[in-house]
N, C-alpha and C. Protein backbone atom coordinates (compact mmCIF):
# COMPACT_ATOMS: atom_id res chain seq x y z
N GLY A 1 -73.92 67.78 117.46
CA GLY A 1 -72.94 68.54 118.23
C GLY A 1 -73.59 69.36 119.33
N GLU A 2 -72.79 69.89 120.21
CA GLU A 2 -73.30 70.72 121.30
C GLU A 2 -73.01 72.17 120.94
N GLY A 3 -73.92 72.74 120.19
CA GLY A 3 -73.73 74.12 119.75
C GLY A 3 -73.69 75.09 120.91
N VAL A 4 -73.40 76.33 120.60
CA VAL A 4 -73.26 77.37 121.63
C VAL A 4 -74.54 77.49 122.44
N ASP A 5 -75.70 77.24 121.79
CA ASP A 5 -76.97 77.35 122.52
C ASP A 5 -77.09 76.28 123.60
N GLY A 6 -76.24 75.26 123.54
CA GLY A 6 -76.29 74.21 124.55
C GLY A 6 -75.39 74.49 125.74
N VAL A 7 -74.84 75.71 125.80
CA VAL A 7 -73.90 76.04 126.87
C VAL A 7 -74.64 76.55 128.10
N GLU A 8 -74.34 75.96 129.24
CA GLU A 8 -74.96 76.40 130.49
C GLU A 8 -74.09 77.44 131.19
N ARG A 9 -72.79 77.22 131.10
CA ARG A 9 -71.87 78.14 131.75
C ARG A 9 -70.50 78.00 131.10
N CYS A 10 -69.80 79.11 130.93
CA CYS A 10 -68.44 79.03 130.42
C CYS A 10 -67.60 80.14 131.03
N GLY A 11 -66.31 79.95 131.06
CA GLY A 11 -65.44 80.97 131.62
C GLY A 11 -64.03 80.44 131.85
N TRP A 12 -63.16 81.35 132.22
CA TRP A 12 -61.77 80.99 132.51
C TRP A 12 -61.63 80.48 133.93
N MET A 13 -60.90 79.39 134.09
CA MET A 13 -60.50 78.93 135.42
C MET A 13 -59.06 78.46 135.31
N HIS A 14 -58.40 78.38 136.45
CA HIS A 14 -57.05 77.84 136.49
C HIS A 14 -57.12 76.40 136.98
N ARG A 15 -56.51 75.52 136.21
CA ARG A 15 -56.50 74.10 136.54
C ARG A 15 -55.13 73.72 137.07
N GLN A 16 -55.15 73.02 138.20
CA GLN A 16 -53.88 72.61 138.81
C GLN A 16 -53.21 71.53 137.97
N GLY A 17 -51.90 71.65 137.79
CA GLY A 17 -51.14 70.66 137.04
C GLY A 17 -51.28 69.28 137.65
N THR A 18 -51.34 68.27 136.78
CA THR A 18 -51.52 66.91 137.25
C THR A 18 -50.26 66.40 137.95
N LEU A 19 -49.12 66.70 137.34
CA LEU A 19 -47.85 66.22 137.91
C LEU A 19 -47.21 67.27 138.81
N LEU A 20 -47.17 68.51 138.31
CA LEU A 20 -46.57 69.59 139.10
C LEU A 20 -47.69 70.40 139.75
N LYS A 21 -47.89 70.17 141.03
CA LYS A 21 -49.03 70.76 141.73
C LYS A 21 -48.94 72.29 141.82
N PHE A 22 -47.73 72.83 141.70
CA PHE A 22 -47.59 74.28 141.80
C PHE A 22 -47.81 74.96 140.44
N ASN A 23 -48.03 74.14 139.42
CA ASN A 23 -48.32 74.67 138.09
C ASN A 23 -49.82 74.85 137.91
N TRP A 24 -50.25 76.05 137.58
CA TRP A 24 -51.67 76.28 137.33
C TRP A 24 -51.82 76.73 135.88
N HIS A 25 -52.71 76.07 135.17
CA HIS A 25 -52.91 76.37 133.75
C HIS A 25 -54.23 77.10 133.55
N LYS A 26 -54.17 78.24 132.90
CA LYS A 26 -55.40 78.99 132.61
C LYS A 26 -56.10 78.32 131.45
N GLN A 27 -57.33 77.89 131.66
CA GLN A 27 -58.06 77.17 130.62
C GLN A 27 -59.48 77.70 130.48
N TRP A 28 -60.03 77.53 129.31
CA TRP A 28 -61.40 77.95 129.02
C TRP A 28 -62.31 76.76 129.26
N PHE A 29 -63.24 76.92 130.22
CA PHE A 29 -64.14 75.83 130.60
C PHE A 29 -65.54 76.06 130.04
N VAL A 30 -66.14 74.98 129.58
CA VAL A 30 -67.50 75.03 129.05
C VAL A 30 -68.31 73.90 129.68
N LEU A 31 -69.42 74.27 130.32
CA LEU A 31 -70.36 73.28 130.87
C LEU A 31 -71.59 73.31 129.98
N THR A 32 -71.94 72.16 129.40
CA THR A 32 -73.09 72.14 128.50
C THR A 32 -74.35 71.71 129.25
N LYS A 33 -75.49 71.97 128.63
CA LYS A 33 -76.77 71.58 129.22
C LYS A 33 -76.92 70.07 129.24
N TYR A 34 -76.04 69.39 128.53
CA TYR A 34 -76.11 67.93 128.47
C TYR A 34 -75.25 67.29 129.55
N GLY A 35 -74.68 68.14 130.41
CA GLY A 35 -73.91 67.60 131.52
C GLY A 35 -72.48 67.24 131.17
N HIS A 36 -71.94 67.91 130.16
CA HIS A 36 -70.53 67.68 129.82
C HIS A 36 -69.72 68.91 130.18
N LEU A 37 -68.61 68.68 130.85
CA LEU A 37 -67.68 69.76 131.17
C LEU A 37 -66.44 69.56 130.31
N HIS A 38 -66.13 70.56 129.49
CA HIS A 38 -64.95 70.49 128.64
C HIS A 38 -64.00 71.60 129.05
N TYR A 39 -62.71 71.38 128.88
CA TYR A 39 -61.80 72.51 129.02
C TYR A 39 -60.83 72.56 127.85
N PHE A 40 -60.51 73.80 127.48
CA PHE A 40 -59.75 74.08 126.28
C PHE A 40 -58.54 74.95 126.62
N ALA A 41 -57.53 74.89 125.76
CA ALA A 41 -56.35 75.73 125.93
C ALA A 41 -56.71 77.19 125.71
N SER A 42 -57.66 77.44 124.82
CA SER A 42 -58.10 78.82 124.57
C SER A 42 -59.54 78.82 124.10
N LYS A 43 -60.15 80.00 124.04
CA LYS A 43 -61.53 80.12 123.57
C LYS A 43 -61.66 79.65 122.14
N GLN A 44 -60.58 79.80 121.38
CA GLN A 44 -60.62 79.49 119.95
C GLN A 44 -60.40 78.00 119.65
N SER A 45 -59.92 77.26 120.65
CA SER A 45 -59.62 75.84 120.41
C SER A 45 -60.86 75.08 119.97
N ALA A 46 -60.69 74.25 118.96
CA ALA A 46 -61.81 73.46 118.47
C ALA A 46 -61.98 72.19 119.31
N LEU A 47 -60.86 71.61 119.73
CA LEU A 47 -60.91 70.36 120.48
C LEU A 47 -60.53 70.59 121.93
N PRO A 48 -61.32 70.02 122.85
CA PRO A 48 -60.99 70.19 124.28
C PRO A 48 -59.75 69.40 124.67
N ASP A 49 -59.03 69.92 125.65
CA ASP A 49 -57.89 69.19 126.23
C ASP A 49 -58.41 67.97 126.98
N ASP A 50 -59.58 68.12 127.59
CA ASP A 50 -60.17 67.01 128.32
C ASP A 50 -61.66 67.29 128.50
N SER A 51 -62.42 66.23 128.77
CA SER A 51 -63.86 66.35 128.96
C SER A 51 -64.30 65.43 130.09
N PHE A 52 -65.35 65.85 130.77
CA PHE A 52 -65.93 65.06 131.85
C PHE A 52 -67.41 64.88 131.56
N ASP A 53 -67.89 63.64 131.65
CA ASP A 53 -69.31 63.38 131.49
C ASP A 53 -69.92 63.37 132.89
N LEU A 54 -70.55 64.49 133.26
CA LEU A 54 -71.07 64.62 134.62
C LEU A 54 -72.38 63.87 134.79
N LYS A 55 -73.15 63.77 133.70
CA LYS A 55 -74.46 63.15 133.80
C LYS A 55 -74.36 61.64 133.95
N GLY A 56 -73.38 61.05 133.26
CA GLY A 56 -73.30 59.59 133.23
C GLY A 56 -72.44 58.99 134.32
N ASN A 57 -71.91 59.82 135.21
CA ASN A 57 -70.98 59.33 136.23
C ASN A 57 -71.32 59.87 137.61
N LYS A 58 -70.61 59.36 138.60
CA LYS A 58 -70.76 59.88 139.97
C LYS A 58 -69.89 61.12 140.10
N VAL A 59 -70.49 62.19 140.58
CA VAL A 59 -69.77 63.47 140.67
C VAL A 59 -69.67 63.93 142.11
N ASN A 60 -68.51 64.42 142.47
CA ASN A 60 -68.32 64.98 143.80
C ASN A 60 -67.59 66.31 143.65
N VAL A 61 -68.16 67.36 144.26
CA VAL A 61 -67.53 68.68 144.22
C VAL A 61 -67.32 69.13 145.64
N LYS A 62 -66.11 69.58 145.97
CA LYS A 62 -65.91 70.10 147.32
C LYS A 62 -64.95 71.28 147.29
N MET A 63 -65.13 72.16 148.26
CA MET A 63 -64.24 73.29 148.38
C MET A 63 -63.04 72.90 149.20
N ASP A 64 -61.88 73.21 148.67
CA ASP A 64 -60.63 72.92 149.36
C ASP A 64 -60.11 74.23 149.93
N LYS A 65 -59.08 74.14 150.75
CA LYS A 65 -58.55 75.37 151.35
C LYS A 65 -57.96 76.26 150.25
N GLY A 66 -57.96 77.54 150.50
CA GLY A 66 -57.35 78.47 149.56
C GLY A 66 -58.13 78.68 148.29
N ASN A 67 -59.47 78.68 148.41
CA ASN A 67 -60.30 79.01 147.26
C ASN A 67 -60.09 78.06 146.09
N VAL A 68 -59.98 76.78 146.39
CA VAL A 68 -59.80 75.77 145.35
C VAL A 68 -60.98 74.81 145.38
N MET A 69 -61.53 74.53 144.21
CA MET A 69 -62.64 73.59 144.09
C MET A 69 -62.10 72.29 143.52
N GLU A 70 -62.45 71.20 144.17
CA GLU A 70 -62.01 69.90 143.69
C GLU A 70 -63.19 69.12 143.12
N LEU A 71 -63.05 68.74 141.87
CA LEU A 71 -64.09 67.99 141.18
C LEU A 71 -63.60 66.57 140.94
N THR A 72 -64.37 65.59 141.38
CA THR A 72 -64.03 64.18 141.16
C THR A 72 -65.16 63.52 140.39
N VAL A 73 -64.82 62.87 139.29
CA VAL A 73 -65.80 62.18 138.46
C VAL A 73 -65.42 60.70 138.41
N THR A 74 -66.31 59.86 138.95
CA THR A 74 -66.05 58.43 139.05
C THR A 74 -67.04 57.66 138.17
N PRO A 75 -66.56 56.74 137.35
CA PRO A 75 -67.49 55.94 136.54
C PRO A 75 -68.46 55.18 137.43
N LYS A 76 -69.74 55.20 137.05
CA LYS A 76 -70.76 54.51 137.84
C LYS A 76 -70.51 53.01 137.86
N THR A 77 -69.90 52.51 136.78
CA THR A 77 -69.72 51.07 136.66
C THR A 77 -68.49 50.58 137.40
N SER A 78 -67.70 51.50 137.94
CA SER A 78 -66.44 51.05 138.51
C SER A 78 -66.67 50.29 139.82
N SER A 79 -66.11 49.11 139.88
CA SER A 79 -66.15 48.31 141.10
C SER A 79 -64.70 47.94 141.41
N TRP A 80 -64.48 47.26 142.49
CA TRP A 80 -63.10 46.90 142.84
C TRP A 80 -62.50 45.95 141.82
N MET A 81 -63.38 45.26 141.04
CA MET A 81 -62.88 44.34 140.03
C MET A 81 -62.66 45.04 138.69
N SER A 82 -63.24 46.20 138.57
CA SER A 82 -63.24 46.88 137.28
C SER A 82 -61.85 47.25 136.80
N LEU A 83 -61.59 46.99 135.55
CA LEU A 83 -60.33 47.38 134.96
C LEU A 83 -60.52 48.61 134.08
N GLY A 84 -61.73 49.14 134.13
CA GLY A 84 -62.06 50.31 133.32
C GLY A 84 -61.38 51.56 133.85
N PRO A 85 -61.75 52.70 133.28
CA PRO A 85 -61.12 53.96 133.70
C PRO A 85 -61.48 54.27 135.14
N SER A 86 -60.51 54.79 135.87
CA SER A 86 -60.77 55.11 137.27
C SER A 86 -61.23 56.56 137.38
N ALA A 87 -61.37 57.01 138.59
CA ALA A 87 -61.86 58.37 138.84
C ALA A 87 -60.92 59.41 138.24
N LYS A 88 -61.53 60.49 137.76
CA LYS A 88 -60.75 61.62 137.29
C LYS A 88 -60.95 62.75 138.29
N ARG A 89 -59.84 63.36 138.71
CA ARG A 89 -59.93 64.43 139.69
C ARG A 89 -59.25 65.66 139.12
N ILE A 90 -59.86 66.80 139.39
CA ILE A 90 -59.31 68.04 138.87
C ILE A 90 -59.50 69.13 139.91
N SER A 91 -58.48 69.94 140.11
CA SER A 91 -58.56 71.05 141.06
C SER A 91 -58.57 72.36 140.29
N LEU A 92 -59.53 73.23 140.64
CA LEU A 92 -59.75 74.46 139.88
C LEU A 92 -59.83 75.66 140.80
N THR A 93 -59.46 76.80 140.27
CA THR A 93 -59.63 78.03 141.02
C THR A 93 -59.91 79.18 140.07
N CYS A 94 -60.61 80.18 140.56
CA CYS A 94 -60.85 81.42 139.83
C CYS A 94 -61.35 82.43 140.86
N ASP A 95 -61.81 83.58 140.43
CA ASP A 95 -62.29 84.59 141.37
C ASP A 95 -63.41 84.04 142.24
N GLY A 96 -63.40 84.42 143.51
CA GLY A 96 -64.31 83.87 144.50
C GLY A 96 -65.75 83.70 144.10
N ASP A 97 -66.39 84.78 143.63
CA ASP A 97 -67.81 84.69 143.26
C ASP A 97 -68.02 83.73 142.11
N ASP A 98 -67.13 83.82 141.15
CA ASP A 98 -67.18 82.94 139.99
C ASP A 98 -67.08 81.49 140.42
N LEU A 99 -66.17 81.23 141.34
CA LEU A 99 -65.94 79.87 141.78
C LEU A 99 -67.19 79.30 142.44
N LEU A 100 -67.87 80.12 143.23
CA LEU A 100 -69.09 79.67 143.89
C LEU A 100 -70.18 79.38 142.87
N GLU A 101 -70.23 80.18 141.81
CA GLU A 101 -71.23 79.94 140.77
C GLU A 101 -70.92 78.65 140.01
N TRP A 102 -69.65 78.44 139.74
CA TRP A 102 -69.26 77.17 139.10
C TRP A 102 -69.62 76.01 140.00
N MET A 103 -69.35 76.19 141.30
CA MET A 103 -69.62 75.11 142.25
C MET A 103 -71.10 74.75 142.26
N SER A 104 -71.96 75.78 142.27
CA SER A 104 -73.39 75.45 142.31
C SER A 104 -73.85 74.85 140.99
N ALA A 105 -73.25 75.28 139.88
CA ALA A 105 -73.61 74.70 138.57
C ALA A 105 -73.21 73.24 138.50
N LEU A 106 -72.02 72.93 139.03
CA LEU A 106 -71.52 71.55 138.98
C LEU A 106 -72.20 70.66 140.01
N SER A 107 -72.62 71.28 141.12
CA SER A 107 -73.24 70.51 142.21
C SER A 107 -74.57 69.87 141.78
N LYS A 108 -75.17 70.45 140.76
CA LYS A 108 -76.44 69.88 140.27
C LYS A 108 -76.28 68.45 139.80
N TYR A 109 -75.04 68.08 139.50
CA TYR A 109 -74.80 66.73 138.99
C TYR A 109 -74.35 65.76 140.08
N CYS A 110 -74.24 66.27 141.31
CA CYS A 110 -73.80 65.42 142.42
C CYS A 110 -74.92 64.50 142.87
């Protein structure tokens, strides 16, 4: 398992709703030293709502207008013929300084 000692960074961020773009969900994010980004409904949640393998995939992080960071994770194996999972994209926001720190932490995997 990835115990607490394996945590590189954690904190609250707001994640933009997948279907309803004006919906922002406050979630607890954990970035591990193994290059996994998980997000949870709360700090106490045992199972993440979703996870991203940053080390094993192509990662792109960019700043969007209005203090929003967009993270895109694309499988390395994906080709135009691939029927596998496609890119996962997530838009996040939090306090300015925090967001920049998250951005630099995630950029290491780009």
